[in-house]
Amino acid sequence: MNLHWLMRMRRWAQNPPSWKMVKFVFAIIAICAALFSVERYVGLPEWMNAAPRGPMRLP
């Protein structure tokens, strides 16, 4: 760990984030976890699939 990260930790310990910011970060993490679980166990819609559906046609 270098001096830059130690100074960052010191600043964060002296001036912690507000409760509102902490709740916001936890909400973002919960949304990401929910999207991951839906994608993992239910699957993606067909329109979001990256696999090609047929032969490639050139114009």
PDB file of N, CA and C in Angstrom:
ATOM      1  N   MET A   1       0.847  -1.160   0.000  1.00  0.00           N
ATOM      2  CA  MET A   1       0.000   0.000   0.000  1.00  0.00           C
ATOM      3  C   MET A   1       0.905   1.239   0.000  1.00  0.00           C
ATOM      4  N   ASN A   2       0.601   2.166  -0.867  1.00  0.00           N
ATOM      5  CA  ASN A   2       1.463   3.340  -0.945  1.00  0.00           C
ATOM      6  C   ASN A   2       0.873   4.518  -0.171  1.00  0.00           C
ATOM      7  N   LEU A   3       1.606   5.604  -0.158  1.00  0.00           N
ATOM      8  CA  LEU A   3       1.230   6.774   0.625  1.00  0.00           C
ATOM      9  C   LEU A   3      -0.084   7.391   0.147  1.00  0.00           C
ATOM     10  N   HIS A   4      -0.333   7.329  -1.152  1.00  0.00           N
ATOM     11  CA  HIS A   4      -1.570   7.902  -1.700  1.00  0.00           C
ATOM     12  C   HIS A   4      -2.803   7.244  -1.077  1.00  0.00           C
ATOM     13  N   TRP A   5      -2.805   5.914  -0.991  1.00  0.00           N
ATOM     14  CA  TRP A   5      -3.962   5.218  -0.431  1.00  0.00           C
ATOM     15  C   TRP A   5      -4.090   5.460   1.071  1.00  0.00           C
ATOM     16  N   LEU A   6      -2.959   5.586   1.751  1.00  0.00           N
ATOM     17  CA  LEU A   6      -3.024   5.892   3.181  1.00  0.00           C
ATOM     18  C   LEU A   6      -3.631   7.275   3.417  1.00  0.00           C
ATOM     19  N   MET A   7      -3.280   8.241   2.591  1.00  0.00           N
ATOM     20  CA  MET A   7      -3.858   9.582   2.724  1.00  0.00           C
ATOM     21  C   MET A   7      -5.351   9.571   2.401  1.00  0.00           C
ATOM     22  N   ARG A   8      -5.735   8.769   1.418  1.00  0.00           N
ATOM     23  CA  ARG A   8      -7.162   8.649   1.090  1.00  0.00           C
ATOM     24  C   ARG A   8      -7.951   8.061   2.250  1.00  0.00           C
ATOM     25  N   MET A   9      -7.397   7.009   2.860  1.00  0.00           N
ATOM     26  CA  MET A   9      -8.073   6.389   4.004  1.00  0.00           C
ATOM     27  C   MET A   9      -8.165   7.361   5.177  1.00  0.00           C
ATOM     28  N   ARG A  10      -7.117   8.143   5.390  1.00  0.00           N
ATOM     29  CA  ARG A  10      -7.131   9.133   6.467  1.00  0.00           C
ATOM     30  C   ARG A  10      -8.221  10.175   6.228  1.00  0.00           C
ATOM     31  N   ARG A  11      -8.307  10.658   4.992  1.00  0.00           N
ATOM     32  CA  ARG A  11      -9.324  11.654   4.658  1.00  0.00           C
ATOM     33  C   ARG A  11     -10.730  11.081   4.826  1.00  0.00           C
ATOM     34  N   TRP A  12     -10.915   9.810   4.408  1.00  0.00           N
ATOM     35  CA  TRP A  12     -12.221   9.173   4.518  1.00  0.00           C
ATOM     36  C   TRP A  12     -12.603   8.947   5.981  1.00  0.00           C
ATOM     37  N   ALA A  13     -11.612   8.605   6.817  1.00  0.00           N
ATOM     38  CA  ALA A  13     -11.891   8.384   8.240  1.00  0.00           C
ATOM     39  C   ALA A  13     -12.230   9.696   8.949  1.00  0.00           C
ATOM     40  N   GLN A  14     -11.590  10.783   8.539  1.00  0.00           N
ATOM     41  CA  GLN A  14     -11.869  12.073   9.168  1.00  0.00           C
ATOM     42  C   GLN A  14     -13.180  12.679   8.686  1.00  0.00           C
ATOM     43  N   ASN A  15     -13.547  12.402   7.443  1.00  0.00           N
ATOM     44  CA  ASN A  15     -14.745  12.992   6.855  1.00  0.00           C
ATOM     45  C   ASN A  15     -15.538  11.883   6.156  1.00  0.00           C
ATOM     46  N   PRO A  16     -16.219  11.021   6.921  1.00  0.00           N
ATOM     47  CA  PRO A  16     -16.915   9.878   6.314  1.00  0.00           C
ATOM     48  C   PRO A  16     -18.091  10.333   5.447  1.00  0.00           C
ATOM     49  N   PRO A  17     -18.521   9.463   4.529  1.00  0.00           N
ATOM     50  CA  PRO A  17     -19.656   9.823   3.675  1.00  0.00           C
ATOM     51  C   PRO A  17     -20.947   9.908   4.490  1.00  0.00           C
ATOM     52  N   SER A  18     -21.894  10.643   3.959  1.00  0.00           N
ATOM     53  CA  SER A  18     -23.166  10.797   4.660  1.00  0.00           C
ATOM     54  C   SER A  18     -23.965   9.493   4.591  1.00  0.00           C
ATOM     55  N   TRP A  19     -24.941   9.373   5.486  1.00  0.00           N
ATOM     56  CA  TRP A  19     -25.794   8.181   5.512  1.00  0.00           C
ATOM     57  C   TRP A  19     -26.562   8.059   4.205  1.00  0.00           C
ATOM     58  N   LYS A  20     -26.928   9.179   3.608  1.00  0.00           N
ATOM     59  CA  LYS A  20     -27.649   9.175   2.339  1.00  0.00           C
ATOM     60  C   LYS A  20     -26.786   8.557   1.231  1.00  0.00           C
ATOM     61  N   MET A  21     -25.497   8.888   1.198  1.00  0.00           N
ATOM     62  CA  MET A  21     -24.595   8.338   0.187  1.00  0.00           C
ATOM     63  C   MET A  21     -24.385   6.837   0.407  1.00  0.00           C
ATOM     64  N   VAL A  22     -24.292   6.420   1.664  1.00  0.00           N
ATOM     65  CA  VAL A  22     -24.124   4.997   1.970  1.00  0.00           C
ATOM     66  C   VAL A  22     -25.347   4.218   1.497  1.00  0.00           C
ATOM     67  N   LYS A  23     -26.553   4.748   1.760  1.00  0.00           N
ATOM     68  CA  LYS A  23     -27.776   4.077   1.303  1.00  0.00           C
ATOM     69  C   LYS A  23     -27.835   4.027  -0.216  1.00  0.00           C
ATOM     70  N   PHE A  24     -27.387   5.087  -0.878  1.00  0.00           N
ATOM     71  CA  PHE A  24     -27.372   5.126  -2.341  1.00  0.00           C
ATOM     72  C   PHE A  24     -26.457   4.042  -2.910  1.00  0.00           C
ATOM     73  N   VAL A  25     -25.273   3.891  -2.348  1.00  0.00           N
ATOM     74  CA  VAL A  25     -24.331   2.870  -2.825  1.00  0.00           C
ATOM     75  C   VAL A  25     -24.899   1.475  -2.592  1.00  0.00           C
ATOM     76  N   PHE A  26     -25.501   1.236  -1.434  1.00  0.00           N
ATOM     77  CA  PHE A  26     -26.103  -0.073  -1.173  1.00  0.00           C
ATOM     78  C   PHE A  26     -27.275  -0.348  -2.109  1.00  0.00           C
ATOM     79  N   ALA A  27     -28.039   0.675  -2.461  1.00  0.00           N
ATOM     80  CA  ALA A  27     -29.146   0.499  -3.410  1.00  0.00           C
ATOM     81  C   ALA A  27     -28.619   0.122  -4.788  1.00  0.00           C
ATOM     82  N   ILE A  28     -27.547   0.755  -5.231  1.00  0.00           N
ATOM     83  CA  ILE A  28     -26.947   0.423  -6.527  1.00  0.00           C
ATOM     84  C   ILE A  28     -26.436  -1.012  -6.527  1.00  0.00           C
ATOM     85  N   ILE A  29     -25.791  -1.426  -5.441  1.00  0.00           N
ATOM     86  CA  ILE A  29     -25.292  -2.802  -5.342  1.00  0.00           C
ATOM     87  C   ILE A  29     -26.457  -3.789  -5.354  1.00  0.00           C
ATOM     88  N   ALA A  30     -27.563  -3.475  -4.669  1.00  0.00           N
ATOM     89  CA  ALA A  30     -28.737  -4.357  -4.651  1.00  0.00           C
ATOM     90  C   ALA A  30     -29.367  -4.465  -6.035  1.00  0.00           C
ATOM     91  N   ILE A  31     -29.441  -3.358  -6.769  1.00  0.00           N
ATOM     92  CA  ILE A  31     -29.995  -3.392  -8.129  1.00  0.00           C
ATOM     93  C   ILE A  31     -29.125  -4.252  -9.033  1.00  0.00           C
ATOM     94  N   CYS A  32     -27.813  -4.107  -8.919  1.00  0.00           N
ATOM     95  CA  CYS A  32     -26.906  -4.924  -9.733  1.00  0.00           C
ATOM     96  C   CYS A  32     -27.041  -6.408  -9.392  1.00  0.00           C
ATOM     97  N   ALA A  33     -27.160  -6.728  -8.116  1.00  0.00           N
ATOM     98  CA  ALA A  33     -27.323  -8.124  -7.709  1.00  0.00           C
ATOM     99  C   ALA A  33     -28.650  -8.686  -8.210  1.00  0.00           C
ATOM    100  N   ALA A  34     -29.709  -7.882  -8.175  1.00  0.00           N
ATOM    101  CA  ALA A  34     -31.006  -8.342  -8.679  1.00  0.00           C
ATOM    102  C   ALA A  34     -30.959  -8.582 -10.180  1.00  0.00           C
ATOM    103  N   LEU A  35     -30.352  -7.674 -10.915  1.00  0.00           N
ATOM    104  CA  LEU A  35     -30.225  -7.870 -12.364  1.00  0.00           C
ATOM    105  C   LEU A  35     -29.391  -9.101 -12.691  1.00  0.00           C
ATOM    106  N   PHE A  36     -28.316  -9.317 -11.944  1.00  0.00           N
ATOM    107  CA  PHE A  36     -27.480 -10.489 -12.173  1.00  0.00           C
ATOM    108  C   PHE A  36     -28.260 -11.773 -11.916  1.00  0.00           C
ATOM    109  N   SER A  37     -29.024 -11.816 -10.815  1.00  0.00           N
ATOM    110  CA  SER A  37     -29.758 -13.042 -10.501  1.00  0.00           C
ATOM    111  C   SER A  37     -30.867 -13.304 -11.515  1.00  0.00           C
ATOM    112  N   VAL A  38     -31.552 -12.265 -11.974  1.00  0.00           N
ATOM    113  CA  VAL A  38     -32.582 -12.457 -13.002  1.00  0.00           C
ATOM    114  C   VAL A  38     -31.942 -12.965 -14.283  1.00  0.00           C
ATOM    115  N   GLU A  39     -30.825 -12.372 -14.665  1.00  0.00           N
ATOM    116  CA  GLU A  39     -30.140 -12.793 -15.885  1.00  0.00           C
ATOM    117  C   GLU A  39     -29.624 -14.222 -15.757  1.00  0.00           C
ATOM    118  N   ARG A  40     -29.147 -14.574 -14.591  1.00  0.00           N
ATOM    119  CA  ARG A  40     -28.548 -15.895 -14.379  1.00  0.00           C
ATOM    120  C   ARG A  40     -29.604 -17.003 -14.338  1.00  0.00           C
ATOM    121  N   TYR A  41     -30.714 -16.780 -13.635  1.00  0.00           N
ATOM    122  CA  TYR A  41     -31.672 -17.854 -13.407  1.00  0.00           C
ATOM    123  C   TYR A  41     -32.887 -17.820 -14.325  1.00  0.00           C
ATOM    124  N   VAL A  42     -33.278 -16.663 -14.808  1.00  0.00           N
ATOM    125  CA  VAL A  42     -34.433 -16.571 -15.701  1.00  0.00           C
ATOM    126  C   VAL A  42     -33.974 -16.551 -17.145  1.00  0.00           C
ATOM    127  N   GLY A  43     -32.911 -15.851 -17.410  1.00  0.00           N
ATOM    128  CA  GLY A  43     -32.375 -15.771 -18.760  1.00  0.00           C
ATOM    129  C   GLY A  43     -32.621 -14.404 -19.371  1.00  0.00           C
ATOM    130  N   LEU A  44     -32.009 -14.200 -20.505  1.00  0.00           N
ATOM    131  CA  LEU A  44     -32.150 -12.936 -21.217  1.00  0.00           C
ATOM    132  C   LEU A  44     -33.260 -13.030 -22.248  1.00  0.00           C
ATOM    133  N   PRO A  45     -33.891 -11.917 -22.566  1.00  0.00           N
ATOM    134  CA  PRO A  45     -34.850 -11.922 -23.667  1.00  0.00           C
ATOM    135  C   PRO A  45     -34.130 -12.191 -24.993  1.00  0.00           C
ATOM    136  N   GLU A  46     -34.872 -12.652 -25.975  1.00  0.00           N
ATOM    137  CA  GLU A  46     -34.273 -12.997 -27.261  1.00  0.00           C
ATOM    138  C   GLU A  46     -33.615 -11.793 -27.924  1.00  0.00           C
ATOM    139  N   TRP A  47     -34.194 -10.606 -27.761  1.00  0.00           N
ATOM    140  CA  TRP A  47     -33.639  -9.434 -28.420  1.00  0.00           C
ATOM    141  C   TRP A  47     -32.314  -8.984 -27.813  1.00  0.00           C
ATOM    142  N   MET A  48     -31.979  -9.483 -26.625  1.00  0.00           N
ATOM    143  CA  MET A  48     -30.700  -9.132 -26.005  1.00  0.00           C
ATOM    144  C   MET A  48     -29.631 -10.185 -26.250  1.00  0.00           C
ATOM    145  N   ASN A  49     -29.959 -11.228 -26.954  1.00  0.00           N
ATOM    146  CA  ASN A  49     -29.028 -12.312 -27.204  1.00  0.00           C
ATOM    147  C   ASN A  49     -27.941 -11.864 -28.173  1.00  0.00           C
ATOM    148  N   ALA A  50     -26.697 -12.196 -27.895  1.00  0.00           N
ATOM    149  CA  ALA A  50     -25.584 -11.783 -28.745  1.00  0.00           C
ATOM    150  C   ALA A  50     -25.309 -12.786 -29.860  1.00  0.00           C
ATOM    151  N   ALA A  51     -25.859 -13.987 -29.764  1.00  0.00           N
ATOM    152  CA  ALA A  51     -25.614 -15.004 -30.784  1.00  0.00           C
ATOM    153  C   ALA A  51     -26.407 -14.680 -32.049  1.00  0.00           C
ATOM    154  N   PRO A  52     -25.804 -14.878 -33.213  1.00  0.00           N
ATOM    155  CA  PRO A  52     -26.545 -14.625 -34.459  1.00  0.00           C
ATOM    156  C   PRO A  52     -27.683 -15.623 -34.630  1.00  0.00           C
ATOM    157  N   ARG A  53     -28.786 -15.178 -35.243  1.00  0.00           N
ATOM    158  CA  ARG A  53     -29.962 -16.031 -35.391  1.00  0.00           C
ATOM    159  C   ARG A  53     -30.030 -16.727 -36.738  1.00  0.00           C
ATOM    160  N   GLY A  54     -29.262 -16.323 -37.673  1.00  0.00           N
ATOM    161  CA  GLY A  54     -29.336 -16.935 -38.992  1.00  0.00           C
ATOM    162  C   GLY A  54     -28.097 -16.609 -39.806  1.00  0.00           C
ATOM    163  N   PRO A  55     -28.130 -17.009 -41.081  1.00  0.00           N
ATOM    164  CA  PRO A  55     -26.967 -16.723 -41.915  1.00  0.00           C
ATOM    165  C   PRO A  55     -26.812 -15.217 -42.129  1.00  0.00           C
ATOM    166  N   MET A  56     -25.568 -14.808 -42.219  1.00  0.00           N
ATOM    167  CA  MET A  56     -25.291 -13.387 -42.413  1.00  0.00           C
ATOM    168  C   MET A  56     -25.535 -13.015 -43.867  1.00  0.00           C
ATOM    169  N   ARG A  57     -26.351 -12.005 -44.080  1.00  0.00           N
ATOM    170  CA  ARG A  57     -26.651 -11.559 -45.442  1.00  0.00           C
ATOM    171  C   ARG A  57     -25.912 -10.269 -45.732  1.00  0.00           C
ATOM    172  N   LEU A  58     -25.275 -10.222 -46.869  1.00  0.00           N
ATOM    173  CA  LEU A  58     -24.597  -9.004 -47.290  1.00  0.00           C
ATOM    174  C   LEU A  58     -25.504  -8.217 -48.225  1.00  0.00           C
ATOM    175  N   PRO A  59     -25.516  -6.908 -48.134  1.00  0.00           N
ATOM    176  CA  PRO A  59     -26.392  -6.122 -49.017  1.00  0.00           C
ATOM    177  C   PRO A  59     -25.916  -6.110 -50.459  1.00  0.00           C
TER     178      PRO A  59
END
